[in-house]
Structures are given as C-alpha cells and as structure tokens.
Amino acid sequence: MSKPFRTIQEYVLGTLRAEILGGTYPANTRLRQEEVAKRLNVSTTPVREAFRDLRAEGLVSIDPNRGVVTRGLTAEDVSEIYELRMVLEPLLAQRACRQASPADLDAAGACHETMSATPSSERWAQLNVEFHSHLMASQAKTRLFELVEGLSNVARPYVSLSMHIQQDLMESNNHEHAELLDAYRAGNADVVAEQTRIHLENTRNAIVACVVQWAPPVSETAAAAV
C-alpha cells in the first residue's frame, strides 16, 4: 500500500502519531529508538527526528531516566490551546484576508478539494495545516503568525485524535472551510474573523468531547500510576 507521506521522516512521524492516538501506545509507554526503527524498517535518524516532532506536539516527553515516554491528552490542555487560538487567530485571519493574494487563495482552494476527497484522517490532518497556512501566507513573517502557528502545531495531536474517533468531523470541517474560503475570496475581513472564531470554537468543543471519550477512567489512570 502506498503511503501518503513525502519523506521517510514524515512516514515514521505519521505512523507513531497514529499509533499513539489509536491506543497502541498508552500514556507512560517508553518508546525505544532502535525497536521502532527495526519495526518500521528505517534507520534510527528519522525515528530520532520523529521523536523530536512528537515532543513538540506534546505527544511524548523526554524523561532523564526513561527516555522517550508517551503522554496523555487532556480536555483542560486542549481547552487552553483553543482559548488562546480564539483570541489570536481571528485577528491574524482578518489581517491575512486584507492582503491575501489570488495565488494564496487558489492554493488553499486546491488544498480544500484534496481534503474533501481524502478518507484518511492522518492525511486530512496534514492538509488541514496546509490549508490554513495558505490562507495566512501573507502574514508568514509576522510575530502574530509565529504565535498562531505554534498553537496550531501543539493542537495537531488533538485534531488527529478527534478524526480517529469521529471521522464525520472531517465532513463538517470541510463545510466550514468552504465557507471560510468564500469569505476570503469576497475580501470580507470582518466575516473572516468571525467565521475563524466560530470554526475554532466548534473544533474545540468537538475535540474536548473526543478527548473525554478517549481518556481512560480516573480509577484506571490512578491504578496504573501505583
């Protein structure tokens, strides 16, 4: 089966991310670089790079004694991420709308068409980042863009998790993306800002529900920590 990844590092990262989110590696599982490389039939270099990216996404931590250890996802964490995004991202979108080029919007449109056609939640999550990046491209050199991009990156595992649990979320997000793209093309910055805020709020609510569904009961978590 062909893999929807452009590099070996993306393949390793995407595979490990999907396995963590799918429950193959529960919270507090130690990941060994050599074992992962052997299982995926790759060298240790892309595995090491994938571990670095997983740490940036918040899916693993680096323990001085245990090495790379998977982390749990919490409703409190994703709520805070999206509360910050709902403050900053509408402002960025408003500015981006005023300066978006036809080429940027065409690229976002092409990305949206691909997203609407893909059944893969992992591929959709990658394209989701690209879609919003195209819309915001005119602001790429601003500090506000850097802040929003950082929050978007740490939200990625939560987006992937929600798609694993409830794949029909892709369809509803595709619909919201189409409306957002239309507002950009119309050049209505105020509508873009409001639709961005609503889109983020809807996404947050859906992800929180998925995280609550995915997380083990408190009693099980406590028992595992003993």
C-alpha atoms as a PDB file:
ATOM      1  CA  MET A   1       0.000   0.000   0.000  1.00  0.00           C
ATOM      2  CA  SER A   2       1.403   3.391  -0.935  1.00  0.00           C
ATOM      3  CA  LYS A   3       1.994   5.793   1.925  1.00  0.00           C
ATOM      4  CA  PRO A   4       0.656   9.389   1.753  1.00  0.00           C
ATOM      5  CA  PHE A   5       3.979  10.766   3.008  1.00  0.00           C
ATOM      6  CA  ARG A   6       6.637  12.692   1.142  1.00  0.00           C
ATOM      7  CA  THR A   7       9.639  11.637   3.260  1.00  0.00           C
ATOM      8  CA  ILE A   8      10.674   8.738   5.474  1.00  0.00           C
ATOM      9  CA  GLN A   9      10.623  11.054   8.487  1.00  0.00           C
ATOM     10  CA  GLU A  10       7.005  12.004   7.742  1.00  0.00           C
ATOM     11  CA  TYR A  11       6.156   8.306   7.414  1.00  0.00           C
ATOM     12  CA  VAL A  12       7.700   7.500  10.801  1.00  0.00           C
ATOM     13  CA  LEU A  13       6.120  10.543  12.433  1.00  0.00           C
ATOM     14  CA  GLY A  14       2.696   9.837  10.950  1.00  0.00           C
ATOM     15  CA  THR A  15       2.832   6.155  11.916  1.00  0.00           C
ATOM     16  CA  LEU A  16       3.870   6.818  15.518  1.00  0.00           C
ATOM     17  CA  ARG A  17       1.350   9.634  15.889  1.00  0.00           C
ATOM     18  CA  ALA A  18      -1.469   7.395  14.623  1.00  0.00           C
ATOM     19  CA  GLU A  19      -0.369   4.549  16.903  1.00  0.00           C
ATOM     20  CA  ILE A  20      -0.250   6.769  19.983  1.00  0.00           C
ATOM     21  CA  LEU A  21      -3.631   8.287  19.206  1.00  0.00           C
ATOM     22  CA  GLY A  22      -5.064   4.889  18.332  1.00  0.00           C
ATOM     23  CA  GLY A  23      -4.102   3.427  21.699  1.00  0.00           C
ATOM     24  CA  THR A  24      -1.226   1.195  20.570  1.00  0.00           C
ATOM     25  CA  TYR A  25       0.996   3.124  22.973  1.00  0.00           C
ATOM     26  CA  PRO A  26      -0.956   4.231  26.073  1.00  0.00           C
ATOM     27  CA  ALA A  27       0.243   7.115  28.242  1.00  0.00           C
ATOM     28  CA  ASN A  28       3.569   6.483  30.033  1.00  0.00           C
ATOM     29  CA  THR A  29       4.771   3.931  27.460  1.00  0.00           C
ATOM     30  CA  ARG A  30       8.500   4.046  26.770  1.00  0.00           C
ATOM     31  CA  LEU A  31       9.454   4.228  23.083  1.00  0.00           C
ATOM     32  CA  ARG A  32      12.848   2.775  22.167  1.00  0.00           C
ATOM     33  CA  GLN A  33      14.519   4.260  19.121  1.00  0.00           C
ATOM     34  CA  GLU A  34      16.158   1.050  17.895  1.00  0.00           C
ATOM     35  CA  GLU A  35      12.986  -1.012  18.281  1.00  0.00           C
ATOM     36  CA  VAL A  36      10.877   1.490  16.359  1.00  0.00           C
ATOM     37  CA  ALA A  37      13.492   1.730  13.578  1.00  0.00           C
ATOM     38  CA  LYS A  38      13.620  -2.052  13.226  1.00  0.00           C
ATOM     39  CA  ARG A  39       9.844  -2.463  13.176  1.00  0.00           C
ATOM     40  CA  LEU A  40       9.343   0.275  10.568  1.00  0.00           C
ATOM     41  CA  ASN A  41      12.389  -0.864   8.568  1.00  0.00           C
ATOM     42  CA  VAL A  42      14.098   2.521   8.659  1.00  0.00           C
ATOM     43  CA  SER A  43      17.313   3.928  10.110  1.00  0.00           C
ATOM     44  CA  THR A  44      17.393   5.494  13.567  1.00  0.00           C
ATOM     45  CA  THR A  45      17.796   9.026  12.157  1.00  0.00           C
ATOM     46  CA  PRO A  46      14.157   9.552  11.019  1.00  0.00           C
ATOM     47  CA  VAL A  47      12.981   7.935  14.262  1.00  0.00           C
ATOM     48  CA  ARG A  48      15.047  10.389  16.305  1.00  0.00           C
ATOM     49  CA  GLU A  49      13.634  13.277  14.233  1.00  0.00           C
ATOM     50  CA  ALA A  50      10.094  11.932  14.685  1.00  0.00           C
ATOM     51  CA  PHE A  51      10.609  11.758  18.456  1.00  0.00           C
ATOM     52  CA  ARG A  52      11.645  15.406  18.377  1.00  0.00           C
ATOM     53  CA  ASP A  53       8.493  16.394  16.486  1.00  0.00           C
ATOM     54  CA  LEU A  54       6.269  14.265  18.724  1.00  0.00           C
ATOM     55  CA  ARG A  55       7.736  16.067  21.710  1.00  0.00           C
ATOM     56  CA  ALA A  56       6.964  19.438  20.091  1.00  0.00           C
ATOM     57  CA  GLU A  57       3.398  18.258  19.517  1.00  0.00           C
ATOM     58  CA  GLY A  58       3.057  17.233  23.148  1.00  0.00           C
ATOM     59  CA  LEU A  59       2.576  13.521  22.438  1.00  0.00           C
ATOM     60  CA  VAL A  60       5.799  12.420  24.161  1.00  0.00           C
ATOM     61  CA  SER A  61       8.143  13.729  26.814  1.00  0.00           C
ATOM     62  CA  ILE A  62      11.847  13.146  27.339  1.00  0.00           C
ATOM     63  CA  ASP A  63      12.466  11.609  30.748  1.00  0.00           C
ATOM     64  CA  PRO A  64      16.098  11.727  32.012  1.00  0.00           C
ATOM     65  CA  ASN A  65      15.818   8.173  33.312  1.00  0.00           C
ATOM     66  CA  ARG A  66      13.334   6.506  30.959  1.00  0.00           C
ATOM     67  CA  GLY A  67      13.992   8.280  27.655  1.00  0.00           C
ATOM     68  CA  VAL A  68      11.073   8.953  25.305  1.00  0.00           C
ATOM     69  CA  VAL A  69       7.732   8.396  27.054  1.00  0.00           C
ATOM     70  CA  THR A  70       4.230   8.868  25.641  1.00  0.00           C
ATOM     71  CA  ARG A  71       1.997  11.476  27.249  1.00  0.00           C
ATOM     72  CA  GLY A  72      -1.749  11.630  27.750  1.00  0.00           C
ATOM     73  CA  LEU A  73      -4.029  14.240  26.200  1.00  0.00           C
ATOM     74  CA  THR A  74      -6.358  16.219  28.463  1.00  0.00           C
ATOM     75  CA  ALA A  75      -9.510  18.275  27.965  1.00  0.00           C
ATOM     76  CA  GLU A  76      -8.015  21.065  30.084  1.00  0.00           C
ATOM     77  CA  ASP A  77      -4.952  21.317  27.844  1.00  0.00           C
ATOM     78  CA  VAL A  78      -6.869  21.438  24.561  1.00  0.00           C
ATOM     79  CA  SER A  79      -9.337  23.956  26.011  1.00  0.00           C
ATOM     80  CA  GLU A  80      -6.489  26.293  26.918  1.00  0.00           C
ATOM     81  CA  ILE A  81      -4.888  25.890  23.488  1.00  0.00           C
ATOM     82  CA  TYR A  82      -8.100  26.781  21.702  1.00  0.00           C
ATOM     83  CA  GLU A  83      -8.965  29.640  24.025  1.00  0.00           C
ATOM     84  CA  LEU A  84      -5.656  31.223  23.050  1.00  0.00           C
ATOM     85  CA  ARG A  85      -6.245  30.465  19.381  1.00  0.00           C
ATOM     86  CA  MET A  86      -9.702  32.058  19.514  1.00  0.00           C
ATOM     87  CA  VAL A  87      -8.120  35.295  20.733  1.00  0.00           C
ATOM     88  CA  LEU A  88      -5.196  35.460  18.312  1.00  0.00           C
ATOM     89  CA  GLU A  89      -6.247  33.638  15.151  1.00  0.00           C
ATOM     90  CA  PRO A  90      -9.289  35.755  14.194  1.00  0.00           C
ATOM     91  CA  LEU A  91      -7.047  38.846  14.348  1.00  0.00           C
ATOM     92  CA  LEU A  92      -4.463  37.147  12.137  1.00  0.00           C
ATOM     93  CA  ALA A  93      -7.160  35.958   9.716  1.00  0.00           C
ATOM     94  CA  GLN A  94      -8.584  39.462   9.479  1.00  0.00           C
ATOM     95  CA  ARG A  95      -5.181  40.864   8.533  1.00  0.00           C
ATOM     96  CA  ALA A  96      -4.485  37.977   6.154  1.00  0.00           C
ATOM     97  CA  CYS A  97      -7.789  38.485   4.347  1.00  0.00           C
ATOM     98  CA  ARG A  98      -6.874  42.072   3.535  1.00  0.00           C
ATOM     99  CA  GLN A  99      -3.556  41.032   1.978  1.00  0.00           C
ATOM    100  CA  ALA A 100      -4.235  37.537   0.596  1.00  0.00           C
ATOM    101  CA  SER A 101      -3.087  37.079  -2.982  1.00  0.00           C
ATOM    102  CA  PRO A 102      -5.080  35.221  -5.660  1.00  0.00           C
ATOM    103  CA  ALA A 103      -2.303  32.606  -5.740  1.00  0.00           C
ATOM    104  CA  ASP A 104      -2.629  32.008  -1.984  1.00  0.00           C
ATOM    105  CA  LEU A 105      -6.392  31.569  -2.264  1.00  0.00           C
ATOM    106  CA  ASP A 106      -6.050  29.274  -5.277  1.00  0.00           C
ATOM    107  CA  ALA A 107      -3.585  27.122  -3.327  1.00  0.00           C
ATOM    108  CA  ALA A 108      -5.978  27.000  -0.373  1.00  0.00           C
ATOM    109  CA  GLY A 109      -8.795  26.049  -2.736  1.00  0.00           C
ATOM    110  CA  ALA A 110      -6.797  23.206  -4.268  1.00  0.00           C
ATOM    111  CA  CYS A 111      -5.869  22.002  -0.790  1.00  0.00           C
ATOM    112  CA  HIS A 112      -9.529  22.113   0.261  1.00  0.00           C
ATOM    113  CA  GLU A 113     -10.540  19.980  -2.745  1.00  0.00           C
ATOM    114  CA  THR A 114      -7.956  17.354  -1.800  1.00  0.00           C
ATOM    115  CA  MET A 115      -9.096  17.395   1.829  1.00  0.00           C
ATOM    116  CA  SER A 116     -12.707  16.909   0.786  1.00  0.00           C
ATOM    117  CA  ALA A 117     -11.741  13.835  -1.239  1.00  0.00           C
ATOM    118  CA  THR A 118      -9.434  12.062   1.220  1.00  0.00           C
ATOM    119  CA  PRO A 119     -10.761   9.315   3.539  1.00  0.00           C
ATOM    120  CA  SER A 120      -7.542   9.288   5.584  1.00  0.00           C
ATOM    121  CA  SER A 121      -7.776  11.153   8.890  1.00  0.00           C
ATOM    122  CA  GLU A 122      -3.980  11.321   9.087  1.00  0.00           C
ATOM    123  CA  ARG A 123      -3.678  12.833   5.613  1.00  0.00           C
ATOM    124  CA  TRP A 124      -6.588  15.182   6.336  1.00  0.00           C
ATOM    125  CA  ALA A 125      -4.837  16.479   9.458  1.00  0.00           C
ATOM    126  CA  GLN A 126      -1.720  17.253   7.404  1.00  0.00           C
ATOM    127  CA  LEU A 127      -3.745  19.020   4.728  1.00  0.00           C
ATOM    128  CA  ASN A 128      -5.620  20.982   7.389  1.00  0.00           C
ATOM    129  CA  VAL A 129      -2.376  22.639   8.431  1.00  0.00           C
ATOM    130  CA  GLU A 130      -1.514  23.394   4.801  1.00  0.00           C
ATOM    131  CA  PHE A 131      -4.965  24.863   4.100  1.00  0.00           C
ATOM    132  CA  HIS A 132      -4.774  27.383   6.918  1.00  0.00           C
ATOM    133  CA  SER A 133      -1.128  28.158   6.089  1.00  0.00           C
ATOM    134  CA  HIS A 134      -2.112  29.123   2.535  1.00  0.00           C
ATOM    135  CA  LEU A 135      -4.841  31.423   3.841  1.00  0.00           C
ATOM    136  CA  MET A 136      -2.410  33.086   6.257  1.00  0.00           C
ATOM    137  CA  ALA A 137       0.570  33.144   3.871  1.00  0.00           C
ATOM    138  CA  SER A 138       0.637  36.941   3.566  1.00  0.00           C
ATOM    139  CA  GLN A 139       1.347  37.164   7.308  1.00  0.00           C
ATOM    140  CA  ALA A 140       4.058  34.488   7.407  1.00  0.00           C
ATOM    141  CA  LYS A 141       6.799  36.884   8.503  1.00  0.00           C
ATOM    142  CA  THR A 142       4.877  38.441  11.383  1.00  0.00           C
ATOM    143  CA  ARG A 143       5.231  37.642  15.062  1.00  0.00           C
ATOM    144  CA  LEU A 144       1.487  37.043  15.306  1.00  0.00           C
ATOM    145  CA  PHE A 145       1.747  34.343  12.639  1.00  0.00           C
ATOM    146  CA  GLU A 146       4.528  32.634  14.610  1.00  0.00           C
ATOM    147  CA  LEU A 147       2.404  32.597  17.755  1.00  0.00           C
ATOM    148  CA  VAL A 148      -0.616  31.184  15.943  1.00  0.00           C
ATOM    149  CA  GLU A 149       1.498  28.624  14.104  1.00  0.00           C
ATOM    150  CA  GLY A 150       2.959  27.399  17.408  1.00  0.00           C
ATOM    151  CA  LEU A 151      -0.512  26.934  18.892  1.00  0.00           C
ATOM    152  CA  SER A 152      -1.653  25.163  15.732  1.00  0.00           C
ATOM    153  CA  ASN A 153       1.269  22.750  15.965  1.00  0.00           C
ATOM    154  CA  VAL A 154       0.531  21.768  19.556  1.00  0.00           C
ATOM    155  CA  ALA A 155      -3.140  21.310  18.631  1.00  0.00           C
ATOM    156  CA  ARG A 156      -2.320  18.806  15.881  1.00  0.00           C
ATOM    157  CA  PRO A 157      -2.404  15.656  18.038  1.00  0.00           C
ATOM    158  CA  TYR A 158      -5.804  16.666  19.350  1.00  0.00           C
ATOM    159  CA  VAL A 159      -7.109  17.219  15.815  1.00  0.00           C
ATOM    160  CA  SER A 160      -5.746  13.822  14.777  1.00  0.00           C
ATOM    161  CA  LEU A 161      -7.312  12.163  17.814  1.00  0.00           C
ATOM    162  CA  SER A 162     -10.730  13.654  17.073  1.00  0.00           C
ATOM    163  CA  MET A 163     -10.563  12.412  13.484  1.00  0.00           C
ATOM    164  CA  HIS A 164      -9.633   8.912  14.656  1.00  0.00           C
ATOM    165  CA  ILE A 165     -12.617   8.793  16.999  1.00  0.00           C
ATOM    166  CA  GLN A 166     -15.217  10.644  14.926  1.00  0.00           C
ATOM    167  CA  GLN A 167     -14.390  10.677  11.236  1.00  0.00           C
ATOM    168  CA  ASP A 168     -17.555  12.553  10.267  1.00  0.00           C
ATOM    169  CA  LEU A 169     -15.861  15.593  11.796  1.00  0.00           C
ATOM    170  CA  MET A 170     -13.867  15.806   8.576  1.00  0.00           C
ATOM    171  CA  GLU A 171     -17.073  16.447   6.635  1.00  0.00           C
ATOM    172  CA  SER A 172     -18.295  19.202   8.960  1.00  0.00           C
ATOM    173  CA  ASN A 173     -14.858  20.835   8.955  1.00  0.00           C
ATOM    174  CA  ASN A 174     -14.733  20.674   5.160  1.00  0.00           C
ATOM    175  CA  HIS A 175     -18.040  22.539   5.055  1.00  0.00           C
ATOM    176  CA  GLU A 176     -16.763  25.236   7.429  1.00  0.00           C
ATOM    177  CA  HIS A 177     -13.548  25.517   5.427  1.00  0.00           C
ATOM    178  CA  ALA A 178     -15.558  26.100   2.236  1.00  0.00           C
ATOM    179  CA  GLU A 179     -17.473  28.952   3.885  1.00  0.00           C
ATOM    180  CA  LEU A 180     -14.247  30.437   5.242  1.00  0.00           C
ATOM    181  CA  LEU A 181     -12.599  30.281   1.827  1.00  0.00           C
ATOM    182  CA  ASP A 182     -15.606  32.004   0.249  1.00  0.00           C
ATOM    183  CA  ALA A 183     -15.309  34.829   2.795  1.00  0.00           C
ATOM    184  CA  TYR A 184     -11.610  35.230   1.976  1.00  0.00           C
ATOM    185  CA  ARG A 185     -12.382  35.373  -1.729  1.00  0.00           C
ATOM    186  CA  ALA A 186     -15.048  38.007  -1.085  1.00  0.00           C
ATOM    187  CA  GLY A 187     -12.472  40.075   0.805  1.00  0.00           C
ATOM    188  CA  ASN A 188     -14.747  40.462   3.832  1.00  0.00           C
ATOM    189  CA  ALA A 189     -12.226  40.667   6.670  1.00  0.00           C
ATOM    190  CA  ASP A 190     -14.790  41.032   9.451  1.00  0.00           C
ATOM    191  CA  VAL A 191     -16.704  37.949   8.312  1.00  0.00           C
ATOM    192  CA  VAL A 192     -13.426  36.029   8.006  1.00  0.00           C
ATOM    193  CA  ALA A 193     -12.514  36.924  11.592  1.00  0.00           C
ATOM    194  CA  GLU A 194     -15.908  35.844  12.942  1.00  0.00           C
ATOM    195  CA  GLN A 195     -16.006  32.624  10.921  1.00  0.00           C
ATOM    196  CA  THR A 196     -12.493  31.803  12.107  1.00  0.00           C
ATOM    197  CA  ARG A 197     -13.559  32.248  15.719  1.00  0.00           C
ATOM    198  CA  ILE A 198     -16.682  30.113  15.247  1.00  0.00           C
ATOM    199  CA  HIS A 199     -14.678  27.430  13.432  1.00  0.00           C
ATOM    200  CA  LEU A 200     -12.174  27.275  16.289  1.00  0.00           C
ATOM    201  CA  GLU A 201     -14.938  27.166  18.898  1.00  0.00           C
ATOM    202  CA  ASN A 202     -16.725  24.324  17.099  1.00  0.00           C
ATOM    203  CA  THR A 203     -13.442  22.452  16.729  1.00  0.00           C
ATOM    204  CA  ARG A 204     -12.616  22.895  20.401  1.00  0.00           C
ATOM    205  CA  ASN A 205     -15.997  21.590  21.511  1.00  0.00           C
ATOM    206  CA  ALA A 206     -15.737  18.547  19.258  1.00  0.00           C
ATOM    207  CA  ILE A 207     -12.175  17.761  20.349  1.00  0.00           C
ATOM    208  CA  VAL A 208     -12.965  18.104  24.058  1.00  0.00           C
ATOM    209  CA  ALA A 209     -15.801  15.602  23.635  1.00  0.00           C
ATOM    210  CA  CYS A 210     -13.443  13.195  21.845  1.00  0.00           C
ATOM    211  CA  VAL A 211     -10.720  13.574  24.476  1.00  0.00           C
ATOM    212  CA  VAL A 212     -13.210  12.809  27.246  1.00  0.00           C
ATOM    213  CA  GLN A 213     -14.369   9.745  25.313  1.00  0.00           C
ATOM    214  CA  TRP A 214     -10.787   8.596  24.611  1.00  0.00           C
ATOM    215  CA  ALA A 215      -9.286   9.145  28.072  1.00  0.00           C
ATOM    216  CA  PRO A 216      -9.353   6.179  30.497  1.00  0.00           C
ATOM    217  CA  PRO A 217     -11.499   6.450  33.633  1.00  0.00           C
ATOM    218  CA  VAL A 218      -9.835   8.185  36.582  1.00  0.00           C
ATOM    219  CA  SER A 219      -9.791   4.980  38.583  1.00  0.00           C
ATOM    220  CA  GLU A 220      -7.870   3.163  35.833  1.00  0.00           C
ATOM    221  CA  THR A 221      -5.391   6.013  35.487  1.00  0.00           C
ATOM    222  CA  ALA A 222      -4.810   6.080  39.228  1.00  0.00           C
ATOM    223  CA  ALA A 223      -4.370   2.329  39.358  1.00  0.00           C
ATOM    224  CA  ALA A 224      -1.826   2.416  36.540  1.00  0.00           C
ATOM    225  CA  ALA A 225       0.221   5.003  38.433  1.00  0.00           C
ATOM    226  CA  VAL A 226       0.501   2.841  41.567  1.00  0.00           C
END
